[in-house]
Amino acid sequence: MRFSIRKQYICNMNVREHIVDKLIASGGFWSYDKKSVREHISDEQLIEATLERLDLDDIDLLFDIFPMQKIKAVWRQSMVIQNDYYYLLNRFFAWYYFGIRRPDRYLKAINTRHLSKLTV
């Protein structure tokens, strides 16, 4: 039992390192020291940068190392609230990854809720 948990942890770390390497190669953290990025990138930063910059194959890897609820929460908090900037991408993510039936209605509701919190 312990061996399989340790093996899964090592595998997840390899996937995480692979994603970080791809982000660095794509220029995702161009202004930061590569070693510092590898050591200090948070889960939320990794998820957001992957959703913004990498391909579907790499985004699929996120679901191997993080629960869908965590990825969805980061997506909602960082990308959905930017409204028009990521609109088409958000529609795709809502439909493809999160199984949302009416992505336009969902995105509008999230943005309305976010704006109402800012104005209160």
N, C-alpha and C. Protein backbone atom coordinates (compact mmCIF):
# COMPACT_ATOMS: atom_id res chain seq x y z
N MET A 1 0.83 -1.19 0.00
CA MET A 1 0.00 0.00 0.00
C MET A 1 0.87 1.26 0.00
N ARG A 2 1.85 1.34 0.85
CA ARG A 2 2.72 2.52 0.91
C ARG A 2 3.46 2.73 -0.40
N PHE A 3 3.91 1.64 -0.99
CA PHE A 3 4.66 1.75 -2.24
C PHE A 3 3.82 2.37 -3.34
N SER A 4 2.55 1.98 -3.45
CA SER A 4 1.70 2.52 -4.52
C SER A 4 1.42 4.00 -4.30
N ILE A 5 1.27 4.43 -3.04
CA ILE A 5 1.06 5.84 -2.75
C ILE A 5 2.31 6.63 -3.11
N ARG A 6 3.46 6.10 -2.74
CA ARG A 6 4.72 6.77 -3.06
C ARG A 6 4.94 6.81 -4.57
N LYS A 7 4.62 5.73 -5.25
CA LYS A 7 4.78 5.67 -6.70
C LYS A 7 3.86 6.69 -7.37
N GLN A 8 2.63 6.83 -6.89
CA GLN A 8 1.70 7.79 -7.44
C GLN A 8 2.21 9.21 -7.20
N TYR A 9 2.78 9.47 -6.02
CA TYR A 9 3.32 10.79 -5.70
C TYR A 9 4.47 11.13 -6.65
N ILE A 10 5.36 10.18 -6.88
CA ILE A 10 6.48 10.40 -7.79
C ILE A 10 5.98 10.64 -9.20
N CYS A 11 5.00 9.87 -9.63
CA CYS A 11 4.42 10.04 -10.96
C CYS A 11 3.78 11.42 -11.08
N ASN A 12 3.04 11.85 -10.07
CA ASN A 12 2.42 13.17 -10.08
C ASN A 12 3.47 14.28 -10.13
N MET A 13 4.57 14.09 -9.40
CA MET A 13 5.64 15.09 -9.42
C MET A 13 6.26 15.15 -10.81
N ASN A 14 6.40 14.01 -11.48
CA ASN A 14 6.94 14.02 -12.84
C ASN A 14 6.01 14.75 -13.79
N VAL A 15 4.72 14.56 -13.66
CA VAL A 15 3.74 15.26 -14.49
C VAL A 15 3.80 16.75 -14.21
N ARG A 16 3.87 17.10 -12.94
CA ARG A 16 3.96 18.51 -12.56
C ARG A 16 5.22 19.15 -13.15
N GLU A 17 6.34 18.47 -13.02
CA GLU A 17 7.60 18.98 -13.58
C GLU A 17 7.51 19.12 -15.09
N HIS A 18 6.88 18.17 -15.74
CA HIS A 18 6.70 18.22 -17.19
C HIS A 18 5.90 19.47 -17.57
N ILE A 19 4.81 19.73 -16.86
CA ILE A 19 3.98 20.90 -17.15
C ILE A 19 4.76 22.19 -16.90
N VAL A 20 5.49 22.25 -15.79
CA VAL A 20 6.29 23.44 -15.50
C VAL A 20 7.33 23.66 -16.59
N ASP A 21 7.98 22.60 -17.03
CA ASP A 21 8.97 22.71 -18.11
C ASP A 21 8.33 23.26 -19.39
N LYS A 22 7.14 22.78 -19.71
CA LYS A 22 6.45 23.27 -20.92
C LYS A 22 6.06 24.73 -20.77
N LEU A 23 5.64 25.12 -19.58
CA LEU A 23 5.29 26.53 -19.35
C LEU A 23 6.51 27.43 -19.49
N ILE A 24 7.63 27.00 -18.94
CA ILE A 24 8.86 27.79 -19.05
C ILE A 24 9.29 27.89 -20.51
N ALA A 25 9.20 26.78 -21.23
CA ALA A 25 9.58 26.76 -22.65
C ALA A 25 8.67 27.66 -23.49
N SER A 26 7.41 27.79 -23.08
CA SER A 26 6.47 28.63 -23.84
C SER A 26 6.58 30.10 -23.47
N GLY A 27 7.46 30.42 -22.53
CA GLY A 27 7.63 31.81 -22.12
C GLY A 27 6.67 32.25 -21.05
N GLY A 28 6.05 31.29 -20.38
CA GLY A 28 5.07 31.61 -19.36
C GLY A 28 5.61 32.35 -18.16
N PHE A 29 6.86 32.15 -17.86
CA PHE A 29 7.48 32.80 -16.69
C PHE A 29 8.80 33.44 -17.12
N TRP A 30 8.77 34.15 -18.21
CA TRP A 30 9.99 34.70 -18.81
C TRP A 30 10.75 35.64 -17.89
N SER A 31 10.08 36.32 -16.98
CA SER A 31 10.76 37.31 -16.14
C SER A 31 11.24 36.75 -14.80
N TYR A 32 11.07 35.45 -14.61
CA TYR A 32 11.46 34.83 -13.34
C TYR A 32 12.60 33.84 -13.56
N ASP A 33 13.36 33.63 -12.50
CA ASP A 33 14.40 32.62 -12.53
C ASP A 33 13.77 31.24 -12.64
N LYS A 34 14.25 30.43 -13.57
CA LYS A 34 13.65 29.12 -13.83
C LYS A 34 13.67 28.23 -12.59
N LYS A 35 14.77 28.26 -11.86
CA LYS A 35 14.88 27.43 -10.66
C LYS A 35 13.85 27.88 -9.61
N SER A 36 13.69 29.17 -9.48
CA SER A 36 12.72 29.70 -8.52
C SER A 36 11.29 29.29 -8.90
N VAL A 37 10.98 29.34 -10.19
CA VAL A 37 9.65 28.93 -10.65
C VAL A 37 9.41 27.47 -10.31
N ARG A 38 10.39 26.63 -10.61
CA ARG A 38 10.24 25.20 -10.34
C ARG A 38 10.01 24.92 -8.86
N GLU A 39 10.64 25.67 -8.00
CA GLU A 39 10.56 25.42 -6.56
C GLU A 39 9.34 26.06 -5.90
N HIS A 40 8.87 27.19 -6.42
CA HIS A 40 7.89 27.97 -5.67
C HIS A 40 6.54 28.16 -6.35
N ILE A 41 6.33 27.60 -7.50
CA ILE A 41 5.04 27.80 -8.18
C ILE A 41 3.93 27.08 -7.39
N SER A 42 2.87 27.81 -7.13
CA SER A 42 1.76 27.23 -6.38
C SER A 42 0.87 26.41 -7.33
N ASP A 43 0.03 25.59 -6.75
CA ASP A 43 -0.90 24.80 -7.56
C ASP A 43 -1.79 25.71 -8.38
N GLU A 44 -2.28 26.79 -7.76
CA GLU A 44 -3.18 27.70 -8.45
C GLU A 44 -2.49 28.39 -9.63
N GLN A 45 -1.25 28.82 -9.43
CA GLN A 45 -0.49 29.44 -10.52
C GLN A 45 -0.25 28.46 -11.65
N LEU A 46 0.06 27.23 -11.30
CA LEU A 46 0.31 26.19 -12.30
C LEU A 46 -0.95 25.91 -13.11
N ILE A 47 -2.08 25.79 -12.44
CA ILE A 47 -3.34 25.52 -13.12
C ILE A 47 -3.71 26.68 -14.04
N GLU A 48 -3.65 27.90 -13.53
CA GLU A 48 -4.02 29.06 -14.34
C GLU A 48 -3.12 29.21 -15.55
N ALA A 49 -1.82 29.11 -15.37
CA ALA A 49 -0.88 29.26 -16.48
C ALA A 49 -1.08 28.16 -17.52
N THR A 50 -1.36 26.95 -17.07
CA THR A 50 -1.58 25.84 -18.00
C THR A 50 -2.85 26.08 -18.82
N LEU A 51 -3.91 26.50 -18.17
CA LEU A 51 -5.16 26.78 -18.88
C LEU A 51 -4.98 27.90 -19.90
N GLU A 52 -4.17 28.88 -19.55
CA GLU A 52 -3.98 30.03 -20.44
C GLU A 52 -3.03 29.74 -21.60
N ARG A 53 -1.97 28.95 -21.38
CA ARG A 53 -0.88 28.89 -22.34
C ARG A 53 -0.66 27.56 -23.05
N LEU A 54 -1.09 26.45 -22.46
CA LEU A 54 -0.72 25.16 -23.03
C LEU A 54 -1.86 24.51 -23.81
N ASP A 55 -1.51 23.43 -24.49
CA ASP A 55 -2.45 22.71 -25.35
C ASP A 55 -3.35 21.77 -24.55
N LEU A 56 -4.32 21.22 -25.25
CA LEU A 56 -5.28 20.32 -24.60
C LEU A 56 -4.62 19.11 -23.96
N ASP A 57 -3.60 18.56 -24.59
CA ASP A 57 -2.91 17.40 -24.01
C ASP A 57 -2.31 17.74 -22.65
N ASP A 58 -1.75 18.92 -22.53
CA ASP A 58 -1.16 19.34 -21.26
C ASP A 58 -2.24 19.68 -20.24
N ILE A 59 -3.33 20.27 -20.69
CA ILE A 59 -4.44 20.56 -19.78
C ILE A 59 -5.02 19.25 -19.25
N ASP A 60 -5.11 18.24 -20.12
CA ASP A 60 -5.59 16.92 -19.68
C ASP A 60 -4.73 16.37 -18.55
N LEU A 61 -3.43 16.64 -18.60
CA LEU A 61 -2.53 16.16 -17.54
C LEU A 61 -2.86 16.78 -16.19
N LEU A 62 -3.38 18.01 -16.20
CA LEU A 62 -3.78 18.64 -14.92
C LEU A 62 -4.78 17.77 -14.17
N PHE A 63 -5.68 17.15 -14.93
CA PHE A 63 -6.73 16.34 -14.30
C PHE A 63 -6.18 15.03 -13.74
N ASP A 64 -4.95 14.69 -14.11
CA ASP A 64 -4.29 13.52 -13.52
C ASP A 64 -3.69 13.83 -12.16
N ILE A 65 -3.36 15.10 -11.93
CA ILE A 65 -2.69 15.42 -10.66
C ILE A 65 -3.52 16.29 -9.72
N PHE A 66 -4.60 16.90 -10.22
CA PHE A 66 -5.47 17.72 -9.38
C PHE A 66 -6.92 17.27 -9.53
N PRO A 67 -7.71 17.40 -8.47
CA PRO A 67 -9.14 17.09 -8.61
C PRO A 67 -9.83 18.13 -9.48
N MET A 68 -10.86 17.71 -10.17
CA MET A 68 -11.58 18.61 -11.07
C MET A 68 -12.11 19.83 -10.32
N GLN A 69 -12.55 19.67 -9.09
CA GLN A 69 -13.10 20.78 -8.32
C GLN A 69 -12.06 21.88 -8.12
N LYS A 70 -10.81 21.50 -7.90
CA LYS A 70 -9.75 22.49 -7.71
C LYS A 70 -9.47 23.23 -9.01
N ILE A 71 -9.40 22.50 -10.10
CA ILE A 71 -9.15 23.13 -11.40
C ILE A 71 -10.30 24.07 -11.75
N LYS A 72 -11.51 23.63 -11.52
CA LYS A 72 -12.68 24.46 -11.81
C LYS A 72 -12.70 25.72 -10.95
N ALA A 73 -12.34 25.58 -9.69
CA ALA A 73 -12.31 26.75 -8.79
C ALA A 73 -11.29 27.78 -9.26
N VAL A 74 -10.11 27.32 -9.65
CA VAL A 74 -9.09 28.25 -10.15
C VAL A 74 -9.56 28.89 -11.44
N TRP A 75 -10.14 28.11 -12.31
CA TRP A 75 -10.66 28.63 -13.58
C TRP A 75 -11.70 29.72 -13.33
N ARG A 76 -12.63 29.45 -12.41
CA ARG A 76 -13.68 30.43 -12.11
C ARG A 76 -13.11 31.70 -11.48
N GLN A 77 -12.14 31.54 -10.58
CA GLN A 77 -11.60 32.70 -9.86
C GLN A 77 -10.64 33.54 -10.70
N SER A 78 -9.97 32.93 -11.66
CA SER A 78 -8.95 33.68 -12.38
C SER A 78 -9.30 33.98 -13.84
N MET A 79 -10.03 33.12 -14.49
CA MET A 79 -10.28 33.31 -15.92
C MET A 79 -11.71 33.74 -16.23
N VAL A 80 -12.67 33.12 -15.60
CA VAL A 80 -14.07 33.43 -15.92
C VAL A 80 -14.39 34.89 -15.61
N ILE A 81 -13.85 35.41 -14.53
CA ILE A 81 -14.17 36.78 -14.12
C ILE A 81 -13.54 37.83 -15.04
N GLN A 82 -12.68 37.41 -15.94
CA GLN A 82 -12.10 38.36 -16.90
C GLN A 82 -13.02 38.59 -18.09
N ASN A 83 -14.17 37.96 -18.06
CA ASN A 83 -15.27 38.15 -18.99
C ASN A 83 -14.85 38.06 -20.46
N ASP A 84 -14.82 39.15 -21.18
CA ASP A 84 -14.62 39.12 -22.63
C ASP A 84 -13.22 38.67 -23.05
N TYR A 85 -12.23 38.89 -22.22
CA TYR A 85 -10.85 38.58 -22.60
C TYR A 85 -10.67 37.10 -22.94
N TYR A 86 -11.25 36.23 -22.15
CA TYR A 86 -11.14 34.78 -22.37
C TYR A 86 -12.49 34.16 -22.74
N TYR A 87 -13.39 34.93 -23.30
CA TYR A 87 -14.76 34.45 -23.47
C TYR A 87 -14.86 33.14 -24.26
N LEU A 88 -14.26 33.08 -25.44
CA LEU A 88 -14.35 31.86 -26.25
C LEU A 88 -13.65 30.68 -25.57
N LEU A 89 -12.52 30.95 -24.98
CA LEU A 89 -11.80 29.90 -24.27
C LEU A 89 -12.62 29.40 -23.08
N ASN A 90 -13.24 30.31 -22.36
CA ASN A 90 -14.07 29.93 -21.21
C ASN A 90 -15.29 29.12 -21.64
N ARG A 91 -15.89 29.49 -22.77
CA ARG A 91 -17.02 28.71 -23.28
C ARG A 91 -16.58 27.28 -23.56
N PHE A 92 -15.41 27.13 -24.18
CA PHE A 92 -14.90 25.80 -24.48
C PHE A 92 -14.62 25.02 -23.21
N PHE A 93 -13.90 25.62 -22.26
CA PHE A 93 -13.59 24.92 -21.01
C PHE A 93 -14.86 24.50 -20.28
N ALA A 94 -15.83 25.40 -20.23
CA ALA A 94 -17.10 25.10 -19.54
C ALA A 94 -17.75 23.87 -20.15
N TRP A 95 -17.80 23.82 -21.45
CA TRP A 95 -18.45 22.70 -22.15
C TRP A 95 -17.60 21.43 -22.11
N TYR A 96 -16.33 21.53 -22.49
CA TYR A 96 -15.48 20.36 -22.70
C TYR A 96 -15.00 19.73 -21.40
N TYR A 97 -14.49 20.54 -20.49
CA TYR A 97 -13.88 19.99 -19.27
C TYR A 97 -14.85 19.89 -18.10
N PHE A 98 -15.80 20.79 -18.00
CA PHE A 98 -16.64 20.83 -16.81
C PHE A 98 -18.08 20.42 -17.06
N GLY A 99 -18.40 20.04 -18.29
CA GLY A 99 -19.72 19.49 -18.60
C GLY A 99 -20.88 20.44 -18.36
N ILE A 100 -20.65 21.72 -18.54
CA ILE A 100 -21.69 22.71 -18.33
C ILE A 100 -22.54 22.80 -19.60
N ARG A 101 -23.82 22.56 -19.47
CA ARG A 101 -24.70 22.45 -20.64
C ARG A 101 -24.92 23.77 -21.36
N ARG A 102 -25.07 24.84 -20.63
CA ARG A 102 -25.30 26.15 -21.24
C ARG A 102 -24.18 27.10 -20.82
N PRO A 103 -23.05 26.99 -21.50
CA PRO A 103 -21.88 27.77 -21.07
C PRO A 103 -22.10 29.28 -21.07
N ASP A 104 -22.82 29.79 -22.07
CA ASP A 104 -23.04 31.25 -22.13
C ASP A 104 -23.80 31.74 -20.90
N ARG A 105 -24.85 31.02 -20.55
CA ARG A 105 -25.66 31.38 -19.38
C ARG A 105 -24.82 31.26 -18.09
N TYR A 106 -24.05 30.20 -18.00
CA TYR A 106 -23.21 29.97 -16.82
C TYR A 106 -22.18 31.09 -16.66
N LEU A 107 -21.47 31.42 -17.74
CA LEU A 107 -20.44 32.46 -17.68
C LEU A 107 -21.05 33.81 -17.32
N LYS A 108 -22.20 34.12 -17.89
CA LYS A 108 -22.86 35.38 -17.57
C LYS A 108 -23.25 35.43 -16.10
N ALA A 109 -23.75 34.33 -15.57
CA ALA A 109 -24.14 34.29 -14.15
C ALA A 109 -22.93 34.48 -13.24
N ILE A 110 -21.83 33.84 -13.56
CA ILE A 110 -20.61 33.98 -12.73
C ILE A 110 -20.12 35.42 -12.77
N ASN A 111 -20.09 36.01 -13.95
CA ASN A 111 -19.62 37.39 -14.08
C ASN A 111 -20.55 38.38 -13.40
N THR A 112 -21.84 38.16 -13.51
CA THR A 112 -22.81 39.03 -12.83
C THR A 112 -22.63 38.96 -11.32
N ARG A 113 -22.47 37.73 -10.82
CA ARG A 113 -22.25 37.54 -9.39
C ARG A 113 -20.97 38.22 -8.93
N HIS A 114 -19.92 38.10 -9.73
CA HIS A 114 -18.63 38.72 -9.40
C HIS A 114 -18.76 40.25 -9.38
N LEU A 115 -19.42 40.81 -10.38
CA LEU A 115 -19.57 42.27 -10.44
C LEU A 115 -20.45 42.79 -9.31
N SER A 116 -21.46 42.03 -8.95
CA SER A 116 -22.32 42.48 -7.84
C SER A 116 -21.56 42.46 -6.51
N LYS A 117 -20.62 41.55 -6.36
CA LYS A 117 -19.79 41.55 -5.13
C LYS A 117 -18.89 42.76 -5.09
N LEU A 118 -18.42 43.20 -6.25
CA LEU A 118 -17.53 44.36 -6.30
C LEU A 118 -18.26 45.67 -6.02
N THR A 119 -19.52 45.74 -6.37
CA THR A 119 -20.27 47.00 -6.22
C THR A 119 -20.97 47.14 -4.87
N VAL A 120 -21.01 46.10 -4.09
CA VAL A 120 -21.69 46.17 -2.79
C VAL A 120 -20.78 46.79 -1.76
